[in-house]
Amino acid sequence: MSSTVDLVLLGIVYDRPRSAYDIQKHIEYRNLSYWVKVSTPSVYKRMIVLEKNGYLDKEIIKNGKNPEKTIYQITENGKEYFHSMMLEYSQKSIQVIFDFNAVIVGLNKVSKEEALQYVENIYFNINQSLVFIKMIIEQKQDVPIVGKTIMQQQKQVLESLQNWCHDFKNELLECEELEKMKEL
């Protein structure tokens, strides 16, 4: 079963061999976990699975007194798998899922004041994320086009969410009470 984590990991080792530690540092340096759901434990777990499935070769090296290091290199099967996942994920329908929608769905279970506070919290966090992405865009002027476009995408999504949240808060302020959802 393919995953976007596999796609990211194979993309990182596509051009040159790396250790799982170096891959994790690459992910952190590029802030990839902000754009794609990839965690440190998943990096190490998936590298082992990718190697076991024949998509990566590994070489254990020892440098002086340093501990052994496992270096992963993509195989021809790994390159084919990478390209097939690129095609697969580029053709998938887009799902836009936000964790805060679980809060929105439950707003009709709380008082109007609580609902407004929760929406204000969401608005605040959208703004914080927008400030962060604008700072990253400003600091990282020399980022290649693929990185720049993801940052611009995130900025535009956050600006849109900011507008949506502002409008929703105004709707909440105008309504007398929140409608209960009809049961099926």
C-alpha atoms as a PDB file:
ATOM      1  CA  MET A   1       0.000   0.000   0.000  1.00  0.00           C
ATOM      2  CA  SER A   2       1.562   3.262  -1.092  1.00  0.00           C
ATOM      3  CA  SER A   3       1.680   6.354   1.058  1.00  0.00           C
ATOM      4  CA  THR A   4       2.655   9.965   0.620  1.00  0.00           C
ATOM      5  CA  VAL A   5       5.399   9.318   3.185  1.00  0.00           C
ATOM      6  CA  ASP A   6       6.902   6.708   0.821  1.00  0.00           C
ATOM      7  CA  LEU A   7       6.690   9.205  -2.018  1.00  0.00           C
ATOM      8  CA  VAL A   8       8.519  11.878   0.004  1.00  0.00           C
ATOM      9  CA  LEU A   9      11.195   9.478   1.252  1.00  0.00           C
ATOM     10  CA  LEU A  10      11.928   8.000  -2.154  1.00  0.00           C
ATOM     11  CA  GLY A  11      12.052  11.522  -3.587  1.00  0.00           C
ATOM     12  CA  ILE A  12      14.666  12.510  -1.009  1.00  0.00           C
ATOM     13  CA  VAL A  13      16.952   9.556  -1.791  1.00  0.00           C
ATOM     14  CA  TYR A  14      16.247   9.644  -5.534  1.00  0.00           C
ATOM     15  CA  ASP A  15      19.318  11.744  -6.342  1.00  0.00           C
ATOM     16  CA  ARG A  16      21.742  10.598  -3.663  1.00  0.00           C
ATOM     17  CA  PRO A  17      22.029   8.020  -0.902  1.00  0.00           C
ATOM     18  CA  ARG A  18      21.275   9.158   2.647  1.00  0.00           C
ATOM     19  CA  SER A  19      20.895   7.805   6.149  1.00  0.00           C
ATOM     20  CA  ALA A  20      17.488   7.907   7.870  1.00  0.00           C
ATOM     21  CA  TYR A  21      18.960  10.550  10.186  1.00  0.00           C
ATOM     22  CA  ASP A  22      20.032  12.686   7.205  1.00  0.00           C
ATOM     23  CA  ILE A  23      16.579  12.246   5.677  1.00  0.00           C
ATOM     24  CA  GLN A  24      14.929  13.392   8.904  1.00  0.00           C
ATOM     25  CA  LYS A  25      17.218  16.437   9.064  1.00  0.00           C
ATOM     26  CA  HIS A  26      16.355  17.211   5.422  1.00  0.00           C
ATOM     27  CA  ILE A  27      12.650  17.038   6.288  1.00  0.00           C
ATOM     28  CA  GLU A  28      13.139  19.346   9.279  1.00  0.00           C
ATOM     29  CA  TYR A  29      15.341  21.824   7.385  1.00  0.00           C
ATOM     30  CA  ARG A  30      12.847  22.045   4.522  1.00  0.00           C
ATOM     31  CA  ASN A  31       9.856  22.167   6.931  1.00  0.00           C
ATOM     32  CA  LEU A  32       8.348  19.293   4.932  1.00  0.00           C
ATOM     33  CA  SER A  33       6.348  18.011   7.893  1.00  0.00           C
ATOM     34  CA  TYR A  34       4.470  21.322   7.759  1.00  0.00           C
ATOM     35  CA  TRP A  35       3.341  20.583   4.182  1.00  0.00           C
ATOM     36  CA  VAL A  36       3.067  16.763   4.200  1.00  0.00           C
ATOM     37  CA  LYS A  37       2.188  14.529   7.146  1.00  0.00           C
ATOM     38  CA  VAL A  38       5.522  12.862   7.880  1.00  0.00           C
ATOM     39  CA  SER A  39       6.844  12.247  11.382  1.00  0.00           C
ATOM     40  CA  THR A  40      10.255  11.175  12.667  1.00  0.00           C
ATOM     41  CA  PRO A  41       9.067   7.680  13.675  1.00  0.00           C
ATOM     42  CA  SER A  42       7.411   7.181  10.282  1.00  0.00           C
ATOM     43  CA  VAL A  43      10.678   8.003   8.503  1.00  0.00           C
ATOM     44  CA  TYR A  44      12.576   5.234  10.263  1.00  0.00           C
ATOM     45  CA  LYS A  45       9.723   2.710   9.976  1.00  0.00           C
ATOM     46  CA  ARG A  46       9.042   3.383   6.311  1.00  0.00           C
ATOM     47  CA  MET A  47      12.736   3.244   5.334  1.00  0.00           C
ATOM     48  CA  ILE A  48      12.877  -0.300   6.724  1.00  0.00           C
ATOM     49  CA  VAL A  49       9.676  -1.275   4.867  1.00  0.00           C
ATOM     50  CA  LEU A  50      10.880   0.313   1.614  1.00  0.00           C
ATOM     51  CA  GLU A  51      14.165  -1.597   1.883  1.00  0.00           C
ATOM     52  CA  LYS A  52      12.355  -4.847   2.704  1.00  0.00           C
ATOM     53  CA  ASN A  53      10.117  -4.361  -0.373  1.00  0.00           C
ATOM     54  CA  GLY A  54      13.122  -3.900  -2.647  1.00  0.00           C
ATOM     55  CA  TYR A  55      12.692  -0.179  -3.278  1.00  0.00           C
ATOM     56  CA  LEU A  56      15.869   0.719  -1.388  1.00  0.00           C
ATOM     57  CA  ASP A  57      19.255  -0.876  -0.905  1.00  0.00           C
ATOM     58  CA  LYS A  58      21.099  -0.315   2.321  1.00  0.00           C
ATOM     59  CA  GLU A  59      24.751  -0.225   3.167  1.00  0.00           C
ATOM     60  CA  ILE A  60      26.066  -0.160   6.702  1.00  0.00           C
ATOM     61  CA  ILE A  61      29.196   1.950   7.030  1.00  0.00           C
ATOM     62  CA  LYS A  62      31.551   2.548   9.903  1.00  0.00           C
ATOM     63  CA  ASN A  63      33.563   5.746  10.053  1.00  0.00           C
ATOM     64  CA  GLY A  64      36.369   5.569  12.602  1.00  0.00           C
ATOM     65  CA  LYS A  65      35.059   5.539  16.150  1.00  0.00           C
ATOM     66  CA  ASN A  66      31.625   6.763  15.112  1.00  0.00           C
ATOM     67  CA  PRO A  67      28.736   4.321  15.413  1.00  0.00           C
ATOM     68  CA  GLU A  68      27.622   2.353  12.359  1.00  0.00           C
ATOM     69  CA  LYS A  69      25.396   4.222   9.958  1.00  0.00           C
ATOM     70  CA  THR A  70      22.871   2.735   7.526  1.00  0.00           C
ATOM     71  CA  ILE A  71      22.847   4.497   4.169  1.00  0.00           C
ATOM     72  CA  TYR A  72      19.861   3.984   1.871  1.00  0.00           C
ATOM     73  CA  GLN A  73      19.971   4.200  -1.910  1.00  0.00           C
ATOM     74  CA  ILE A  74      17.004   3.937  -4.279  1.00  0.00           C
ATOM     75  CA  THR A  75      16.849   0.865  -6.524  1.00  0.00           C
ATOM     76  CA  GLU A  76      15.492   0.665 -10.069  1.00  0.00           C
ATOM     77  CA  ASN A  77      12.310  -0.863  -8.587  1.00  0.00           C
ATOM     78  CA  GLY A  78      12.235   2.084  -6.176  1.00  0.00           C
ATOM     79  CA  LYS A  79      12.433   4.549  -9.055  1.00  0.00           C
ATOM     80  CA  GLU A  80       9.590   2.756 -10.850  1.00  0.00           C
ATOM     81  CA  TYR A  81       7.550   2.785  -7.617  1.00  0.00           C
ATOM     82  CA  PHE A  82       8.311   6.504  -7.161  1.00  0.00           C
ATOM     83  CA  HIS A  83       7.100   7.315 -10.686  1.00  0.00           C
ATOM     84  CA  SER A  84       3.969   5.170 -10.294  1.00  0.00           C
ATOM     85  CA  MET A  85       3.134   6.977  -7.014  1.00  0.00           C
ATOM     86  CA  MET A  86       3.733  10.372  -8.657  1.00  0.00           C
ATOM     87  CA  LEU A  87       1.139   9.402 -11.264  1.00  0.00           C
ATOM     88  CA  GLU A  88      -1.245   7.892  -8.686  1.00  0.00           C
ATOM     89  CA  TYR A  89      -1.217  10.877  -6.329  1.00  0.00           C
ATOM     90  CA  SER A  90      -1.384  13.444  -9.114  1.00  0.00           C
ATOM     91  CA  GLN A  91      -4.592  11.774 -10.363  1.00  0.00           C
ATOM     92  CA  LYS A  92      -6.340  11.425  -6.986  1.00  0.00           C
ATOM     93  CA  SER A  93      -9.315  13.572  -6.133  1.00  0.00           C
ATOM     94  CA  ILE A  94      -8.422  16.318  -3.684  1.00  0.00           C
ATOM     95  CA  GLN A  95      -9.683  16.044  -0.126  1.00  0.00           C
ATOM     96  CA  VAL A  96      -9.451  19.126   2.022  1.00  0.00           C
ATOM     97  CA  ILE A  97      -9.605  17.999   5.633  1.00  0.00           C
ATOM     98  CA  PHE A  98      -9.085  20.326   8.574  1.00  0.00           C
ATOM     99  CA  ASP A  99      -9.024  19.070  12.149  1.00  0.00           C
ATOM    100  CA  PHE A 100     -10.901  22.170  13.293  1.00  0.00           C
ATOM    101  CA  ASN A 101     -13.959  21.024  11.305  1.00  0.00           C
ATOM    102  CA  ALA A 102     -14.604  18.571  14.149  1.00  0.00           C
ATOM    103  CA  VAL A 103     -15.104  21.679  16.327  1.00  0.00           C
ATOM    104  CA  ILE A 104     -17.363  23.356  13.742  1.00  0.00           C
ATOM    105  CA  VAL A 105     -19.601  20.262  13.543  1.00  0.00           C
ATOM    106  CA  GLY A 106     -20.056  20.346  17.329  1.00  0.00           C
ATOM    107  CA  LEU A 107     -20.801  24.058  17.694  1.00  0.00           C
ATOM    108  CA  ASN A 108     -24.547  23.498  17.897  1.00  0.00           C
ATOM    109  CA  LYS A 109     -23.971  21.562  21.133  1.00  0.00           C
ATOM    110  CA  VAL A 110     -22.542  24.531  23.024  1.00  0.00           C
ATOM    111  CA  SER A 111     -23.702  28.025  23.949  1.00  0.00           C
ATOM    112  CA  LYS A 112     -23.388  30.846  21.455  1.00  0.00           C
ATOM    113  CA  GLU A 113     -20.672  32.428  23.619  1.00  0.00           C
ATOM    114  CA  GLU A 114     -18.670  29.182  23.652  1.00  0.00           C
ATOM    115  CA  ALA A 115     -19.167  28.779  19.904  1.00  0.00           C
ATOM    116  CA  LEU A 116     -17.857  32.290  19.295  1.00  0.00           C
ATOM    117  CA  GLN A 117     -14.835  31.604  21.502  1.00  0.00           C
ATOM    118  CA  TYR A 118     -14.030  28.385  19.628  1.00  0.00           C
ATOM    119  CA  VAL A 119     -14.328  30.146  16.288  1.00  0.00           C
ATOM    120  CA  GLU A 120     -12.126  32.940  17.626  1.00  0.00           C
ATOM    121  CA  ASN A 121      -9.555  30.314  18.669  1.00  0.00           C
ATOM    122  CA  ILE A 122      -9.609  28.842  15.165  1.00  0.00           C
ATOM    123  CA  TYR A 123      -9.267  32.320  13.646  1.00  0.00           C
ATOM    124  CA  PHE A 124      -6.320  33.073  15.929  1.00  0.00           C
ATOM    125  CA  ASN A 125      -4.552  29.853  14.906  1.00  0.00           C
ATOM    126  CA  ILE A 126      -5.184  30.477  11.222  1.00  0.00           C
ATOM    127  CA  ASN A 127      -3.617  33.914  11.674  1.00  0.00           C
ATOM    128  CA  GLN A 128      -0.643  32.423  13.545  1.00  0.00           C
ATOM    129  CA  SER A 129      -0.088  29.960  10.700  1.00  0.00           C
ATOM    130  CA  LEU A 130      -0.385  32.771   8.172  1.00  0.00           C
ATOM    131  CA  VAL A 131       2.208  34.850  10.034  1.00  0.00           C
ATOM    132  CA  PHE A 132       4.499  31.802  10.097  1.00  0.00           C
ATOM    133  CA  ILE A 133       4.175  31.061   6.381  1.00  0.00           C
ATOM    134  CA  LYS A 134       4.708  34.709   5.457  1.00  0.00           C
ATOM    135  CA  MET A 135       7.855  34.726   7.597  1.00  0.00           C
ATOM    136  CA  ILE A 136       9.113  31.551   5.898  1.00  0.00           C
ATOM    137  CA  ILE A 137       8.404  33.023   2.448  1.00  0.00           C
ATOM    138  CA  GLU A 138      10.300  36.180   3.407  1.00  0.00           C
ATOM    139  CA  GLN A 139      13.280  34.272   4.864  1.00  0.00           C
ATOM    140  CA  LYS A 140      13.588  31.652   2.129  1.00  0.00           C
ATOM    141  CA  GLN A 141      13.985  33.759  -0.990  1.00  0.00           C
ATOM    142  CA  ASP A 142      16.325  31.222  -2.628  1.00  0.00           C
ATOM    143  CA  VAL A 143      13.936  28.257  -2.445  1.00  0.00           C
ATOM    144  CA  PRO A 144      13.471  26.329  -5.716  1.00  0.00           C
ATOM    145  CA  ILE A 145      10.162  26.709  -7.562  1.00  0.00           C
ATOM    146  CA  VAL A 146       8.640  23.493  -6.138  1.00  0.00           C
ATOM    147  CA  GLY A 147       9.160  24.741  -2.597  1.00  0.00           C
ATOM    148  CA  LYS A 148       8.034  28.276  -3.420  1.00  0.00           C
ATOM    149  CA  THR A 149       4.813  27.086  -4.984  1.00  0.00           C
ATOM    150  CA  ILE A 150       3.902  25.006  -1.924  1.00  0.00           C
ATOM    151  CA  MET A 151       4.548  27.995   0.340  1.00  0.00           C
ATOM    152  CA  GLN A 152       2.402  30.217  -1.908  1.00  0.00           C
ATOM    153  CA  GLN A 153      -0.299  27.548  -1.951  1.00  0.00           C
ATOM    154  CA  GLN A 154      -0.321  27.385   1.845  1.00  0.00           C
ATOM    155  CA  LYS A 155      -0.407  31.181   2.118  1.00  0.00           C
ATOM    156  CA  GLN A 156      -3.390  31.411  -0.233  1.00  0.00           C
ATOM    157  CA  VAL A 157      -5.238  28.602   1.567  1.00  0.00           C
ATOM    158  CA  LEU A 158      -4.665  30.305   4.924  1.00  0.00           C
ATOM    159  CA  GLU A 159      -5.817  33.673   3.568  1.00  0.00           C
ATOM    160  CA  SER A 160      -8.954  31.996   2.250  1.00  0.00           C
ATOM    161  CA  LEU A 161      -9.535  30.281   5.615  1.00  0.00           C
ATOM    162  CA  GLN A 162      -9.015  33.600   7.359  1.00  0.00           C
ATOM    163  CA  ASN A 163     -11.765  35.171   5.224  1.00  0.00           C
ATOM    164  CA  TRP A 164     -14.060  32.176   5.700  1.00  0.00           C
ATOM    165  CA  CYS A 165     -13.572  32.231   9.488  1.00  0.00           C
ATOM    166  CA  HIS A 166     -14.208  35.989   9.648  1.00  0.00           C
ATOM    167  CA  ASP A 167     -17.442  35.602   7.665  1.00  0.00           C
ATOM    168  CA  PHE A 168     -18.542  32.619   9.769  1.00  0.00           C
ATOM    169  CA  LYS A 169     -17.927  34.537  12.998  1.00  0.00           C
ATOM    170  CA  ASN A 170     -20.103  37.382  11.676  1.00  0.00           C
ATOM    171  CA  GLU A 171     -22.863  34.900  10.806  1.00  0.00           C
ATOM    172  CA  LEU A 172     -22.685  33.488  14.334  1.00  0.00           C
ATOM    173  CA  LEU A 173     -22.939  36.968  15.811  1.00  0.00           C
ATOM    174  CA  GLU A 174     -26.100  37.647  13.791  1.00  0.00           C
ATOM    175  CA  CYS A 175     -27.948  34.420  14.574  1.00  0.00           C
ATOM    176  CA  GLU A 176     -30.020  34.083  17.704  1.00  0.00           C
ATOM    177  CA  GLU A 177     -29.157  30.458  18.386  1.00  0.00           C
ATOM    178  CA  LEU A 178     -27.374  27.652  16.608  1.00  0.00           C
ATOM    179  CA  GLU A 179     -29.663  25.232  14.801  1.00  0.00           C
ATOM    180  CA  LYS A 180     -29.500  21.628  15.840  1.00  0.00           C
ATOM    181  CA  MET A 181     -28.680  19.218  13.059  1.00  0.00           C
ATOM    182  CA  LYS A 182     -31.547  16.924  12.136  1.00  0.00           C
ATOM    183  CA  GLU A 183     -31.091  13.306  13.094  1.00  0.00           C
ATOM    184  CA  LEU A 184     -31.318  10.714  10.370  1.00  0.00           C
END
